[in-house]
Amino acid sequence: MIFLQLQRLIAAGIVVLVAALLLRWLWDITMPQLFHLPKASYWQVVRLLLILGIAAETVLLIVAQLTSLGPLL
C-alpha cells in the first residue's frame, strides 16, 4: 500500500517536471517573439503552473457550487 502511494507521488512529481519544462519551452519560443517578453526560468514556470492550478481549481469549485444551486431563474 505504501509502495503504491510512493509510486503515485513520484509519478505526480514527474508530471509536474515535464509540464514545467514543456511550458517553459513553449513560452521561450512564443512570448519573446510575439510580445517582446523575456524568457522564463524553470522556477518561474513552476510558480506559473501553481498559479494556473489554483485558478483552475477555484473556477471548478465555483462552477460546481453554481450548478448545485439549480436554475437561477
N, C-alpha and C. Protein backbone atom coordinates (compact mmCIF):
# COMPACT_ATOMS: atom_id res chain seq x y z
N MET A 1 0.82 -1.19 0.00
CA MET A 1 0.00 0.00 0.00
C MET A 1 0.87 1.26 0.00
N ILE A 2 1.87 1.30 0.87
CA ILE A 2 2.75 2.46 0.94
C ILE A 2 3.57 2.58 -0.34
N PHE A 3 3.96 1.43 -0.91
CA PHE A 3 4.73 1.43 -2.15
C PHE A 3 3.91 2.05 -3.28
N LEU A 4 2.61 1.74 -3.33
CA LEU A 4 1.73 2.29 -4.36
C LEU A 4 1.58 3.80 -4.21
N GLN A 5 1.46 4.28 -2.97
CA GLN A 5 1.37 5.71 -2.73
C GLN A 5 2.66 6.42 -3.12
N LEU A 6 3.79 5.79 -2.85
CA LEU A 6 5.08 6.35 -3.22
C LEU A 6 5.21 6.43 -4.74
N GLN A 7 4.75 5.40 -5.43
CA GLN A 7 4.78 5.40 -6.89
C GLN A 7 3.94 6.55 -7.44
N ARG A 8 2.76 6.75 -6.88
CA ARG A 8 1.89 7.84 -7.34
C ARG A 8 2.52 9.20 -7.07
N LEU A 9 3.17 9.35 -5.95
CA LEU A 9 3.82 10.61 -5.62
C LEU A 9 4.97 10.88 -6.58
N ILE A 10 5.74 9.88 -6.89
CA ILE A 10 6.85 10.03 -7.84
C ILE A 10 6.31 10.34 -9.23
N ALA A 11 5.24 9.66 -9.63
CA ALA A 11 4.63 9.91 -10.93
C ALA A 11 4.11 11.34 -11.01
N ALA A 12 3.49 11.84 -9.94
CA ALA A 12 2.99 13.22 -9.93
C ALA A 12 4.15 14.21 -10.04
N GLY A 13 5.24 13.92 -9.37
CA GLY A 13 6.42 14.78 -9.47
C GLY A 13 6.98 14.82 -10.88
N ILE A 14 7.01 13.68 -11.53
CA ILE A 14 7.50 13.62 -12.92
C ILE A 14 6.58 14.40 -13.84
N VAL A 15 5.27 14.30 -13.63
CA VAL A 15 4.31 15.03 -14.46
C VAL A 15 4.52 16.53 -14.30
N VAL A 16 4.70 17.00 -13.07
CA VAL A 16 4.94 18.43 -12.83
C VAL A 16 6.24 18.87 -13.49
N LEU A 17 7.29 18.06 -13.38
CA LEU A 17 8.57 18.38 -14.00
C LEU A 17 8.43 18.51 -15.52
N VAL A 18 7.80 17.54 -16.14
CA VAL A 18 7.64 17.54 -17.59
C VAL A 18 6.74 18.70 -18.03
N ALA A 19 5.66 18.95 -17.29
CA ALA A 19 4.76 20.06 -17.63
C ALA A 19 5.49 21.39 -17.54
N ALA A 20 6.31 21.56 -16.52
CA ALA A 20 7.07 22.81 -16.37
C ALA A 20 8.06 22.98 -17.51
N LEU A 21 8.74 21.92 -17.87
CA LEU A 21 9.69 22.00 -18.98
C LEU A 21 8.99 22.30 -20.29
N LEU A 22 7.84 21.68 -20.52
CA LEU A 22 7.08 21.92 -21.74
C LEU A 22 6.57 23.35 -21.79
N LEU A 23 6.02 23.84 -20.69
CA LEU A 23 5.53 25.22 -20.64
C LEU A 23 6.67 26.22 -20.83
N ARG A 24 7.81 25.93 -20.24
CA ARG A 24 8.97 26.83 -20.40
C ARG A 24 9.39 26.88 -21.86
N TRP A 25 9.46 25.73 -22.50
CA TRP A 25 9.86 25.67 -23.91
C TRP A 25 8.87 26.45 -24.78
N LEU A 26 7.56 26.22 -24.54
CA LEU A 26 6.54 26.93 -25.32
C LEU A 26 6.61 28.44 -25.08
N TRP A 27 6.82 28.83 -23.84
CA TRP A 27 6.95 30.26 -23.51
C TRP A 27 8.14 30.85 -24.26
N ASP A 28 9.28 30.17 -24.16
CA ASP A 28 10.52 30.71 -24.73
C ASP A 28 10.49 30.80 -26.25
N ILE A 29 9.71 29.97 -26.92
CA ILE A 29 9.66 30.07 -28.38
C ILE A 29 8.52 30.97 -28.86
N THR A 30 7.59 31.35 -27.97
CA THR A 30 6.44 32.13 -28.39
C THR A 30 6.44 33.56 -27.85
N MET A 31 6.49 33.71 -26.54
CA MET A 31 6.28 35.02 -25.92
C MET A 31 7.33 36.07 -26.28
N PRO A 32 8.62 35.74 -26.32
CA PRO A 32 9.59 36.79 -26.69
C PRO A 32 9.36 37.33 -28.10
N GLN A 33 8.94 36.47 -29.01
CA GLN A 33 8.72 36.91 -30.38
C GLN A 33 7.44 37.73 -30.52
N LEU A 34 6.38 37.29 -29.87
CA LEU A 34 5.09 37.96 -30.03
C LEU A 34 4.98 39.25 -29.22
N PHE A 35 5.39 39.20 -27.96
CA PHE A 35 5.14 40.30 -27.05
C PHE A 35 6.41 40.94 -26.49
N HIS A 36 7.57 40.52 -26.98
CA HIS A 36 8.86 41.04 -26.53
C HIS A 36 9.04 40.85 -25.01
N LEU A 37 8.57 39.74 -24.51
CA LEU A 37 8.74 39.39 -23.10
C LEU A 37 10.05 38.62 -22.93
N PRO A 38 10.64 38.66 -21.74
CA PRO A 38 11.88 37.89 -21.52
C PRO A 38 11.60 36.39 -21.44
N LYS A 39 12.63 35.61 -21.63
CA LYS A 39 12.49 34.16 -21.47
C LYS A 39 12.26 33.84 -20.00
N ALA A 40 11.58 32.73 -19.75
CA ALA A 40 11.23 32.34 -18.38
C ALA A 40 12.23 31.33 -17.84
N SER A 41 12.52 31.45 -16.54
CA SER A 41 13.36 30.45 -15.89
C SER A 41 12.49 29.27 -15.47
N TYR A 42 13.14 28.18 -15.11
CA TYR A 42 12.39 26.98 -14.71
C TYR A 42 11.50 27.27 -13.51
N TRP A 43 12.02 27.95 -12.51
CA TRP A 43 11.24 28.20 -11.29
C TRP A 43 10.12 29.19 -11.51
N GLN A 44 10.30 30.11 -12.44
CA GLN A 44 9.19 30.99 -12.79
C GLN A 44 8.05 30.20 -13.41
N VAL A 45 8.39 29.22 -14.22
CA VAL A 45 7.37 28.39 -14.85
C VAL A 45 6.67 27.52 -13.81
N VAL A 46 7.41 26.99 -12.85
CA VAL A 46 6.79 26.19 -11.79
C VAL A 46 5.79 27.04 -11.02
N ARG A 47 6.17 28.28 -10.69
CA ARG A 47 5.25 29.18 -9.99
C ARG A 47 4.04 29.50 -10.85
N LEU A 48 4.24 29.68 -12.15
CA LEU A 48 3.13 29.93 -13.06
C LEU A 48 2.17 28.74 -13.10
N LEU A 49 2.71 27.53 -13.11
CA LEU A 49 1.86 26.33 -13.07
C LEU A 49 1.05 26.27 -11.78
N LEU A 50 1.66 26.64 -10.66
CA LEU A 50 0.94 26.68 -9.39
C LEU A 50 -0.21 27.68 -9.44
N ILE A 51 0.07 28.87 -9.96
CA ILE A 51 -0.97 29.89 -10.07
C ILE A 51 -2.10 29.41 -10.96
N LEU A 52 -1.76 28.83 -12.10
CA LEU A 52 -2.78 28.33 -13.02
C LEU A 52 -3.59 27.20 -12.39
N GLY A 53 -2.94 26.33 -11.64
CA GLY A 53 -3.64 25.24 -10.97
C GLY A 53 -4.61 25.74 -9.92
N ILE A 54 -4.18 26.73 -9.15
CA ILE A 54 -5.06 27.31 -8.14
C ILE A 54 -6.24 28.00 -8.80
N ALA A 55 -5.98 28.75 -9.87
CA ALA A 55 -7.06 29.45 -10.56
C ALA A 55 -8.05 28.47 -11.17
N ALA A 56 -7.55 27.40 -11.79
CA ALA A 56 -8.44 26.41 -12.40
C ALA A 56 -9.28 25.70 -11.35
N GLU A 57 -8.68 25.37 -10.23
CA GLU A 57 -9.42 24.71 -9.15
C GLU A 57 -10.50 25.63 -8.60
N THR A 58 -10.19 26.91 -8.47
CA THR A 58 -11.17 27.87 -7.98
C THR A 58 -12.35 27.98 -8.93
N VAL A 59 -12.06 28.04 -10.23
CA VAL A 59 -13.15 28.11 -11.21
C VAL A 59 -14.00 26.86 -11.15
N LEU A 60 -13.38 25.70 -11.04
CA LEU A 60 -14.14 24.45 -10.95
C LEU A 60 -15.02 24.41 -9.70
N LEU A 61 -14.50 24.89 -8.58
CA LEU A 61 -15.30 24.93 -7.35
C LEU A 61 -16.48 25.88 -7.49
N ILE A 62 -16.28 27.03 -8.12
CA ILE A 62 -17.37 27.99 -8.32
C ILE A 62 -18.43 27.40 -9.24
N VAL A 63 -18.01 26.77 -10.32
CA VAL A 63 -18.96 26.17 -11.25
C VAL A 63 -19.74 25.05 -10.56
N ALA A 64 -19.06 24.23 -9.78
CA ALA A 64 -19.73 23.15 -9.06
C ALA A 64 -20.74 23.71 -8.07
N GLN A 65 -20.38 24.78 -7.40
CA GLN A 65 -21.30 25.41 -6.44
C GLN A 65 -22.51 25.99 -7.17
N LEU A 66 -22.30 26.64 -8.28
CA LEU A 66 -23.40 27.25 -9.03
C LEU A 66 -24.33 26.19 -9.62
N THR A 67 -23.76 25.10 -10.11
CA THR A 67 -24.61 24.06 -10.70
C THR A 67 -25.37 23.30 -9.64
N SER A 68 -24.87 23.26 -8.42
CA SER A 68 -25.58 22.56 -7.36
C SER A 68 -26.78 23.37 -6.85
N LEU A 69 -26.80 24.67 -7.17
CA LEU A 69 -27.91 25.52 -6.75
C LEU A 69 -29.15 25.33 -7.60
N GLY A 70 -28.96 24.78 -8.77
CA GLY A 70 -30.08 24.61 -9.70
C GLY A 70 -30.26 25.85 -10.55
N PRO A 71 -31.31 25.88 -11.33
CA PRO A 71 -31.54 27.05 -12.19
C PRO A 71 -31.74 28.31 -11.36
N LEU A 72 -31.14 29.40 -11.81
CA LEU A 72 -31.24 30.65 -11.08
C LEU A 72 -32.51 31.42 -11.42
N LEU A 73 -33.16 31.09 -12.53
CA LEU A 73 -34.40 31.78 -12.90
C LEU A 73 -35.62 30.96 -12.59
